[in-house]
Amino acid sequence: MLLAAADDYLLELARTDLEAHWRELHPDGEVTTYDSRPVPLHLTRELSSPSLFAPARLLVVRDAGGWVEKKPDKKKKGGDAAELAGELAKVRLADATLVLVAEVDGPPEGPLVEVVRRIGEVRYTPLPEAPKPWDVVRMTTAQRAVLESLVKRVAPDLVANREVMDALCEAYGFKPRELVQAAQRAALTGTPTAELVRQQAGITESTGRDLEEALLARKAGQLASTLGRLAAGGVLVGWRGEAVEPRDQGGFLVRLVGRLLRQAVAMRGAARQAGMENELKPGRCADPSWYPRVFKPTLLPRLQDAIAGAPDSGLTGLTPWQLQRVFRLAAPYSSAELLSALDGLARAEIDREGRSELALAALSRVLLTLVQPPAARRRAAAD
């Protein structure tokens, strides 16, 4: 049998499950494990030689990847896959089962795979497809389903706690081993919560992209969470991966937010000039296929014509991908809301504040006012 998977943790689980099942069926059996690839002739001799002590044997080669690679390296220790394939094709198994374990980037191929498929079984576990660059989600439904199935093995109660699962997926992404280990740690506390997961993950960094995503989603909670991490002493990471000094955080964020808001105002103007103001709807932009199916072939050419007529708009020179980001940012807000926020930034003079806690507090007031629903803003003004 060949066990192949594209992730080492998924492969490890498949191997341990198979070994456990084999031991149940053969309680008096013997398991021999090879941590590296043995010489093909030695392996086939073991397979064809009956044991003097056990009625059944399981031989497991844990590193068979080099035998099923698309372009195997014949110089690697363990011999040639073609040689092993030839030996296996003619060997008669004596009370033995062979399991080859291989971590692969894609479906296993080659002469050895064909022989195993003919005389035994090939089990390949691919990874679920990752989100496309234009998708608005960090993780696909299929990826989450895989992670939930893994968590269910070690902490079944956590799967039903959506907030905790959301926090695990947000903190670790599609990293099965790390996420399952985090789930185990959270379960051991007895009272796992989303905040506990974030604390254990050490989420103390924020980026400009985090702030942009919160504005794009127009979610006060997401925005407050990003700003709160910074206010609690978290690190602000710049565009080149460098840590922004606390005294410079205000200026960095004001420049970032100011640019985003000005571009959003300009985008609304360009959309109006192109006669497609009705396309500025968050619901339309949120569709996963919106960028390749609608924006790029239909909206982009008309927008580019409008942008070409306003070279000082701040949109000139942006790539199609950057333009669709600006379009999606402009969709949830009116021009009046965006201009009011820009005015609030200018009045607050946040970039002149050297104390990061005061700069963040002033920025929070401006941005939380922007993202709250219009009805709530009108009630606050009346009060």
Protein backbone atom coordinates (compact mmCIF):
# COMPACT_ATOMS: atom_id res chain seq x y z
CA MET A 1 0.00 0.00 0.00
CA LEU A 2 1.07 3.57 -0.68
CA LEU A 3 -0.09 6.33 1.68
CA ALA A 4 0.50 9.75 0.12
CA ALA A 5 -0.56 13.21 1.26
CA ALA A 6 0.40 16.82 0.63
CA ASP A 7 0.69 17.70 4.34
CA ASP A 8 3.00 15.99 6.82
CA TYR A 9 0.47 16.12 9.67
CA LEU A 10 -2.36 14.62 7.62
CA LEU A 11 0.07 11.97 6.44
CA GLU A 12 1.14 11.19 10.00
CA LEU A 13 -2.48 10.75 11.09
CA ALA A 14 -3.22 8.45 8.16
CA ARG A 15 -0.18 6.32 9.00
CA THR A 16 -0.94 6.05 12.73
CA ASP A 17 -4.59 5.22 12.00
CA LEU A 18 -3.56 2.47 9.59
CA GLU A 19 -0.99 1.02 12.01
CA ALA A 20 -3.52 1.05 14.87
CA HIS A 21 -6.11 -0.70 12.72
CA TRP A 22 -3.56 -3.31 11.62
CA ARG A 23 -2.59 -4.02 15.24
CA GLU A 24 -6.25 -4.54 16.12
CA LEU A 25 -6.56 -7.12 13.37
CA HIS A 26 -3.21 -8.74 14.19
CA PRO A 27 -2.64 -8.50 17.96
CA ASP A 28 0.26 -10.99 17.73
CA GLY A 29 1.74 -9.29 14.68
CA GLU A 30 5.10 -7.57 14.31
CA VAL A 31 5.69 -4.02 13.02
CA THR A 32 9.00 -3.04 11.45
CA THR A 33 9.55 0.64 10.71
CA TYR A 34 12.10 2.18 8.35
CA ASP A 35 12.69 5.87 9.06
CA SER A 36 14.66 6.24 5.81
CA ARG A 37 14.34 4.45 2.47
CA PRO A 38 15.98 1.00 2.56
CA VAL A 39 17.80 -0.59 -0.35
CA PRO A 40 15.11 -2.10 -2.63
CA LEU A 41 16.68 -5.57 -2.65
CA HIS A 42 16.84 -5.65 1.17
CA LEU A 43 13.19 -4.60 1.40
CA THR A 44 11.93 -7.22 -1.03
CA ARG A 45 13.96 -9.92 0.72
CA GLU A 46 12.27 -9.01 3.99
CA LEU A 47 8.87 -9.19 2.30
CA SER A 48 9.50 -12.63 0.84
CA SER A 49 11.07 -14.15 3.97
CA PRO A 50 8.61 -15.56 6.54
CA SER A 51 9.05 -14.57 10.17
CA LEU A 52 10.08 -17.17 12.75
CA PHE A 53 8.33 -15.33 15.58
CA ALA A 54 5.17 -13.57 14.32
CA PRO A 55 2.22 -14.84 12.28
CA ALA A 56 1.90 -11.48 10.47
CA ARG A 57 4.20 -8.56 9.80
CA LEU A 58 3.75 -4.92 8.82
CA LEU A 59 6.69 -3.18 7.16
CA VAL A 60 6.38 0.62 7.10
CA VAL A 61 8.71 2.89 5.10
CA ARG A 62 8.05 6.35 6.53
CA ASP A 63 10.08 8.30 3.96
CA ALA A 64 9.10 6.93 0.57
CA GLY A 65 8.62 10.37 -1.01
CA GLY A 66 11.76 10.10 -3.14
CA TRP A 67 10.35 7.01 -4.81
CA VAL A 68 7.17 8.70 -6.00
CA GLU A 69 8.42 12.17 -6.93
CA LYS A 70 7.80 13.34 -10.48
CA LYS A 71 11.56 13.57 -11.02
CA PRO A 72 13.17 11.29 -8.42
CA ASP A 73 16.82 11.81 -7.60
CA LYS A 74 18.60 8.53 -8.29
CA LYS A 75 21.57 9.63 -6.18
CA LYS A 76 19.48 9.72 -3.02
CA LYS A 77 20.02 6.97 -0.49
CA GLY A 78 17.48 4.18 -0.93
CA GLY A 79 17.98 3.22 -4.54
CA ASP A 80 15.93 3.71 -7.63
CA ALA A 81 12.12 3.63 -7.69
CA ALA A 82 12.19 1.67 -10.95
CA GLU A 83 14.38 -0.97 -9.30
CA LEU A 84 11.96 -1.35 -6.39
CA ALA A 85 9.00 -1.42 -8.78
CA GLY A 86 10.57 -4.26 -10.70
CA GLU A 87 11.32 -6.25 -7.54
CA LEU A 88 7.84 -5.73 -6.11
CA ALA A 89 6.21 -6.82 -9.35
CA LYS A 90 7.71 -10.31 -9.01
CA VAL A 91 7.98 -10.78 -5.23
CA ARG A 92 5.67 -13.13 -3.35
CA LEU A 93 4.71 -11.72 0.02
CA ALA A 94 5.25 -14.04 2.97
CA ASP A 95 2.83 -13.12 5.80
CA ALA A 96 3.83 -9.46 5.26
CA THR A 97 2.14 -6.16 4.44
CA LEU A 98 4.16 -3.27 3.04
CA VAL A 99 3.16 0.36 3.57
CA LEU A 100 5.04 3.15 1.80
CA VAL A 101 4.46 6.61 3.28
CA ALA A 102 5.14 9.62 1.04
CA GLU A 103 4.68 13.35 1.42
CA VAL A 104 4.03 14.71 -2.08
CA ASP A 105 3.14 18.03 -3.71
CA GLY A 106 0.62 16.42 -6.07
CA PRO A 107 -0.78 13.03 -7.03
CA PRO A 108 1.99 10.41 -6.77
CA GLU A 109 3.41 9.22 -10.08
CA GLY A 110 5.99 6.89 -11.50
CA PRO A 111 6.66 3.18 -12.04
CA LEU A 112 6.48 2.29 -8.36
CA VAL A 113 3.04 3.89 -8.03
CA GLU A 114 1.73 1.90 -10.97
CA VAL A 115 2.99 -1.38 -9.51
CA VAL A 116 1.52 -0.65 -6.07
CA ARG A 117 -1.79 0.31 -7.67
CA ARG A 118 -1.82 -2.96 -9.61
CA ILE A 119 -0.95 -5.31 -6.74
CA GLY A 120 -2.23 -3.30 -3.79
CA GLU A 121 -3.74 0.11 -3.01
CA VAL A 122 -2.80 3.79 -3.37
CA ARG A 123 -4.38 6.26 -0.94
CA TYR A 124 -3.73 9.90 -1.76
CA THR A 125 -5.00 12.72 0.46
CA PRO A 126 -4.80 16.09 -1.37
CA LEU A 127 -5.11 19.42 0.38
CA PRO A 128 -8.36 21.33 -0.15
CA GLU A 129 -7.96 24.14 -2.65
CA ALA A 130 -6.82 27.44 -1.12
CA PRO A 131 -8.78 30.68 -1.67
CA LYS A 132 -8.17 32.49 -4.94
CA PRO A 133 -6.36 35.87 -4.71
CA TRP A 134 -9.64 37.68 -5.37
CA ASP A 135 -11.62 35.80 -2.72
CA VAL A 136 -12.59 37.84 0.34
CA VAL A 137 -12.11 34.91 2.71
CA ARG A 138 -8.91 33.76 4.35
CA MET A 139 -10.03 30.14 4.37
CA THR A 140 -12.37 28.15 2.14
CA THR A 141 -15.27 26.05 3.40
CA ALA A 142 -13.42 22.89 2.37
CA GLN A 143 -10.29 23.90 4.29
CA ARG A 144 -12.32 24.66 7.40
CA ALA A 145 -14.12 21.31 7.14
CA VAL A 146 -10.75 19.51 7.15
CA LEU A 147 -9.58 21.45 10.21
CA GLU A 148 -12.83 20.82 12.06
CA SER A 149 -12.52 17.09 11.39
CA LEU A 150 -9.01 17.16 12.88
CA VAL A 151 -10.05 19.15 15.95
CA LYS A 152 -12.93 16.73 16.47
CA ARG A 153 -10.39 13.94 16.99
CA VAL A 154 -8.74 15.66 19.97
CA ALA A 155 -11.32 18.12 21.32
CA PRO A 156 -14.80 17.32 19.98
CA ASP A 157 -16.59 19.94 22.10
CA LEU A 158 -14.57 22.77 20.53
CA VAL A 159 -16.01 22.15 17.07
CA ALA A 160 -19.47 23.19 18.27
CA ASN A 161 -18.06 26.45 19.68
CA ARG A 162 -18.09 28.62 16.57
CA GLU A 163 -16.33 31.59 18.18
CA VAL A 164 -13.44 29.42 19.33
CA MET A 165 -13.16 27.73 15.93
CA ASP A 166 -13.26 31.15 14.24
CA ALA A 167 -10.43 32.32 16.51
CA LEU A 168 -8.38 29.19 15.80
CA CYS A 169 -8.79 29.59 12.04
CA GLU A 170 -8.01 33.30 12.22
CA ALA A 171 -4.90 32.77 14.35
CA TYR A 172 -3.35 29.79 12.56
CA GLY A 173 -4.87 29.64 9.08
CA PHE A 174 -4.64 26.32 7.26
CA LYS A 175 -1.82 24.86 9.35
CA PRO A 176 -3.30 21.58 10.58
CA ARG A 177 -0.64 20.56 13.10
CA GLU A 178 -0.33 23.99 14.75
CA LEU A 179 -4.10 24.48 14.85
CA VAL A 180 -4.80 21.07 16.40
CA GLN A 181 -2.10 21.61 19.03
CA ALA A 182 -3.66 25.00 19.85
CA ALA A 183 -7.09 23.36 20.13
CA GLN A 184 -5.68 20.82 22.60
CA ARG A 185 -4.12 23.58 24.71
CA ALA A 186 -7.38 25.53 24.74
CA ALA A 187 -9.40 22.44 25.68
CA LEU A 188 -7.08 21.65 28.59
CA THR A 189 -8.02 24.95 30.25
CA GLY A 190 -11.55 23.66 30.78
CA THR A 191 -13.14 26.93 29.68
CA PRO A 192 -11.84 27.66 26.18
CA THR A 193 -12.76 31.04 24.72
CA ALA A 194 -11.91 32.93 21.55
CA GLU A 195 -9.91 35.46 23.58
CA LEU A 196 -7.93 32.66 25.22
CA VAL A 197 -7.06 31.25 21.80
CA ARG A 198 -5.81 34.65 20.67
CA GLN A 199 -3.75 35.10 23.83
CA GLN A 200 -2.18 31.66 23.48
CA ALA A 201 -1.40 32.39 19.84
CA GLY A 202 0.42 35.55 20.89
CA ILE A 203 -1.49 37.72 18.45
CA THR A 204 0.17 41.00 19.30
CA GLU A 205 0.99 42.24 15.81
CA SER A 206 -1.13 44.39 13.55
CA THR A 207 -0.52 45.62 10.03
CA GLY A 208 -1.87 48.33 7.80
CA ARG A 209 -3.66 45.59 5.88
CA ASP A 210 -5.56 44.62 9.05
CA LEU A 211 -6.85 48.18 9.35
CA GLU A 212 -7.75 48.31 5.66
CA GLU A 213 -9.69 45.05 5.90
CA ALA A 214 -11.68 46.37 8.86
CA LEU A 215 -12.57 49.55 6.96
CA LEU A 216 -13.45 47.57 3.86
CA ALA A 217 -15.78 45.31 5.87
CA ARG A 218 -17.22 48.32 7.76
CA LYS A 219 -17.15 46.33 10.98
CA ALA A 220 -16.64 48.27 14.19
CA GLY A 221 -15.67 45.14 16.14
CA GLN A 222 -12.96 44.18 13.67
CA LEU A 223 -11.63 47.74 13.66
CA ALA A 224 -11.69 47.99 17.46
CA SER A 225 -9.86 44.66 17.74
CA THR A 226 -7.04 45.88 15.47
CA LEU A 227 -6.66 49.20 17.24
CA GLY A 228 -7.04 47.50 20.62
CA ARG A 229 -4.07 45.23 19.98
CA LEU A 230 -1.95 48.28 19.26
CA ALA A 231 -3.26 50.16 22.28
CA ALA A 232 -2.38 47.16 24.46
CA GLY A 233 1.25 47.44 23.38
CA GLY A 234 1.14 45.35 20.24
CA VAL A 235 3.62 45.84 17.43
CA LEU A 236 2.63 47.72 14.28
CA VAL A 237 4.34 46.09 11.30
CA GLY A 238 5.26 48.30 8.36
CA TRP A 239 5.15 47.52 4.64
CA ARG A 240 8.59 45.89 4.59
CA GLY A 241 7.95 43.77 7.68
CA GLU A 242 9.70 46.22 9.99
CA ALA A 243 8.33 47.23 13.40
CA VAL A 244 7.08 50.83 13.49
CA GLU A 245 8.31 52.74 16.53
CA PRO A 246 5.47 53.62 18.95
CA ARG A 247 6.12 57.36 18.54
CA ASP A 248 5.74 56.96 14.76
CA GLN A 249 2.56 54.88 14.80
CA GLY A 250 0.23 57.87 14.66
CA GLY A 251 1.91 59.32 11.58
CA PHE A 252 2.10 55.93 9.85
CA LEU A 253 -1.60 55.20 10.39
CA VAL A 254 -2.80 58.68 9.49
CA ARG A 255 -0.90 58.57 6.20
CA LEU A 256 -2.31 55.12 5.49
CA VAL A 257 -5.91 55.98 6.38
CA GLY A 258 -5.75 59.35 4.65
CA ARG A 259 -4.55 57.73 1.43
CA LEU A 260 -7.24 55.06 1.59
CA LEU A 261 -10.04 57.57 2.20
CA ARG A 262 -8.86 59.96 -0.53
CA GLN A 263 -8.65 57.10 -3.01
CA ALA A 264 -12.14 55.95 -2.02
CA VAL A 265 -13.53 59.47 -2.60
CA ALA A 266 -11.80 59.61 -5.98
CA MET A 267 -13.14 56.16 -6.86
CA ARG A 268 -16.70 57.20 -6.14
CA GLY A 269 -16.18 60.18 -8.42
CA ALA A 270 -14.71 58.01 -11.18
CA ALA A 271 -17.57 55.53 -10.87
CA ARG A 272 -20.10 58.35 -11.09
CA GLN A 273 -18.39 59.77 -14.16
CA ALA A 274 -18.35 56.31 -15.77
CA GLY A 275 -22.06 55.94 -15.14
CA MET A 276 -21.80 52.98 -12.81
CA GLU A 277 -22.42 54.45 -9.39
CA ASN A 278 -25.03 51.73 -8.86
CA GLU A 279 -22.21 49.15 -8.90
CA LEU A 280 -20.88 50.55 -5.63
CA LYS A 281 -22.79 48.06 -3.50
CA PRO A 282 -20.98 46.01 -0.83
CA GLY A 283 -23.18 42.99 -1.57
CA ARG A 284 -22.15 42.92 -5.21
CA CYS A 285 -18.44 43.32 -4.47
CA ALA A 286 -18.50 40.55 -1.85
CA ASP A 287 -19.22 37.79 -4.34
CA PRO A 288 -16.09 35.55 -4.53
CA SER A 289 -16.11 35.65 -8.33
CA TRP A 290 -16.79 39.38 -8.58
CA TYR A 291 -13.22 40.39 -9.46
CA PRO A 292 -12.60 37.98 -12.39
CA ARG A 293 -16.21 37.83 -13.59
CA VAL A 294 -17.44 41.43 -13.20
CA PHE A 295 -14.81 43.96 -12.24
CA LYS A 296 -11.90 43.09 -14.50
CA PRO A 297 -13.77 42.46 -17.79
CA THR A 298 -16.64 44.94 -17.36
CA LEU A 299 -15.98 47.72 -14.86
CA LEU A 300 -12.23 48.17 -15.14
CA PRO A 301 -12.07 49.46 -18.76
CA ARG A 302 -14.69 52.13 -18.06
CA LEU A 303 -13.01 53.14 -14.82
CA GLN A 304 -9.63 53.44 -16.48
CA ASP A 305 -11.09 55.84 -19.04
CA ALA A 306 -12.51 58.00 -16.24
CA ILE A 307 -9.25 57.86 -14.24
CA ALA A 308 -7.22 58.88 -17.31
CA GLY A 309 -9.19 62.12 -17.42
CA ALA A 310 -8.24 62.94 -13.79
CA PRO A 311 -4.48 62.36 -13.48
CA ASP A 312 -4.32 63.95 -10.01
CA SER A 313 -6.99 61.73 -8.46
CA GLY A 314 -4.56 59.41 -6.71
CA LEU A 315 -5.79 56.44 -8.74
CA THR A 316 -3.41 56.84 -11.68
CA GLY A 317 -0.86 54.08 -11.89
CA LEU A 318 -2.71 51.61 -9.67
CA THR A 319 -2.87 48.01 -10.89
CA PRO A 320 -6.23 46.37 -11.64
CA TRP A 321 -5.97 44.46 -8.38
CA GLN A 322 -5.32 47.67 -6.40
CA LEU A 323 -8.19 49.42 -8.17
CA GLN A 324 -10.66 46.69 -7.24
CA ARG A 325 -9.54 47.01 -3.61
CA VAL A 326 -10.24 50.74 -3.71
CA PHE A 327 -13.60 50.10 -5.39
CA ARG A 328 -14.59 47.68 -2.64
CA LEU A 329 -13.46 50.18 0.00
CA ALA A 330 -15.56 52.93 -1.58
CA ALA A 331 -18.68 50.76 -1.79
CA PRO A 332 -19.82 50.77 1.88
CA TYR A 333 -19.53 54.54 2.36
CA SER A 334 -21.03 57.69 0.90
CA SER A 335 -18.79 60.49 -0.33
CA ALA A 336 -20.05 62.66 2.53
CA GLU A 337 -18.99 60.05 5.11
CA LEU A 338 -15.55 59.72 3.60
CA LEU A 339 -15.02 63.49 3.41
CA SER A 340 -16.20 63.88 7.01
CA ALA A 341 -13.66 61.32 8.15
CA LEU A 342 -10.89 63.09 6.23
CA ASP A 343 -11.87 66.32 7.91
CA GLY A 344 -11.78 64.58 11.29
CA LEU A 345 -8.26 63.30 10.60
CA ALA A 346 -7.07 66.78 9.68
CA ARG A 347 -8.62 68.38 12.78
CA ALA A 348 -7.24 65.76 15.16
CA GLU A 349 -3.61 66.41 14.06
CA ILE A 350 -2.82 62.81 15.00
CA ASP A 351 0.47 62.73 13.10
CA ARG A 352 1.84 65.44 15.45
CA GLU A 353 1.09 63.42 18.59
CA GLY A 354 4.24 61.68 19.84
CA ARG A 355 2.46 59.58 22.47
CA SER A 356 1.11 56.49 20.74
CA GLU A 357 -1.76 55.94 23.20
CA LEU A 358 -3.16 59.43 22.52
CA ALA A 359 -2.65 59.12 18.77
CA LEU A 360 -4.48 55.77 18.73
CA ALA A 361 -7.32 57.15 20.85
CA ALA A 362 -7.83 60.07 18.47
CA LEU A 363 -7.65 57.82 15.41
CA SER A 364 -10.12 55.41 17.00
CA ARG A 365 -12.68 58.19 17.48
CA VAL A 366 -12.49 59.20 13.82
CA LEU A 367 -12.60 55.69 12.38
CA LEU A 368 -15.23 54.23 14.71
CA THR A 369 -17.45 57.19 13.85
CA LEU A 370 -16.91 56.42 10.16
CA VAL A 371 -17.76 52.70 10.33
CA GLN A 372 -20.85 52.89 12.52
CA PRO A 373 -24.16 52.65 10.60
CA PRO A 374 -25.69 55.97 9.46
CA ALA A 375 -28.70 55.50 11.76
CA ALA A 376 -26.47 55.11 14.79
CA ARG A 377 -24.51 58.19 13.78
CA ARG A 378 -27.69 60.24 13.54
CA ARG A 379 -28.80 59.08 16.99
CA ALA A 380 -25.40 59.97 18.47
CA ALA A 381 -25.56 63.44 16.90
CA ALA A 382 -29.06 63.97 18.32
CA ASP A 383 -27.95 62.91 21.78
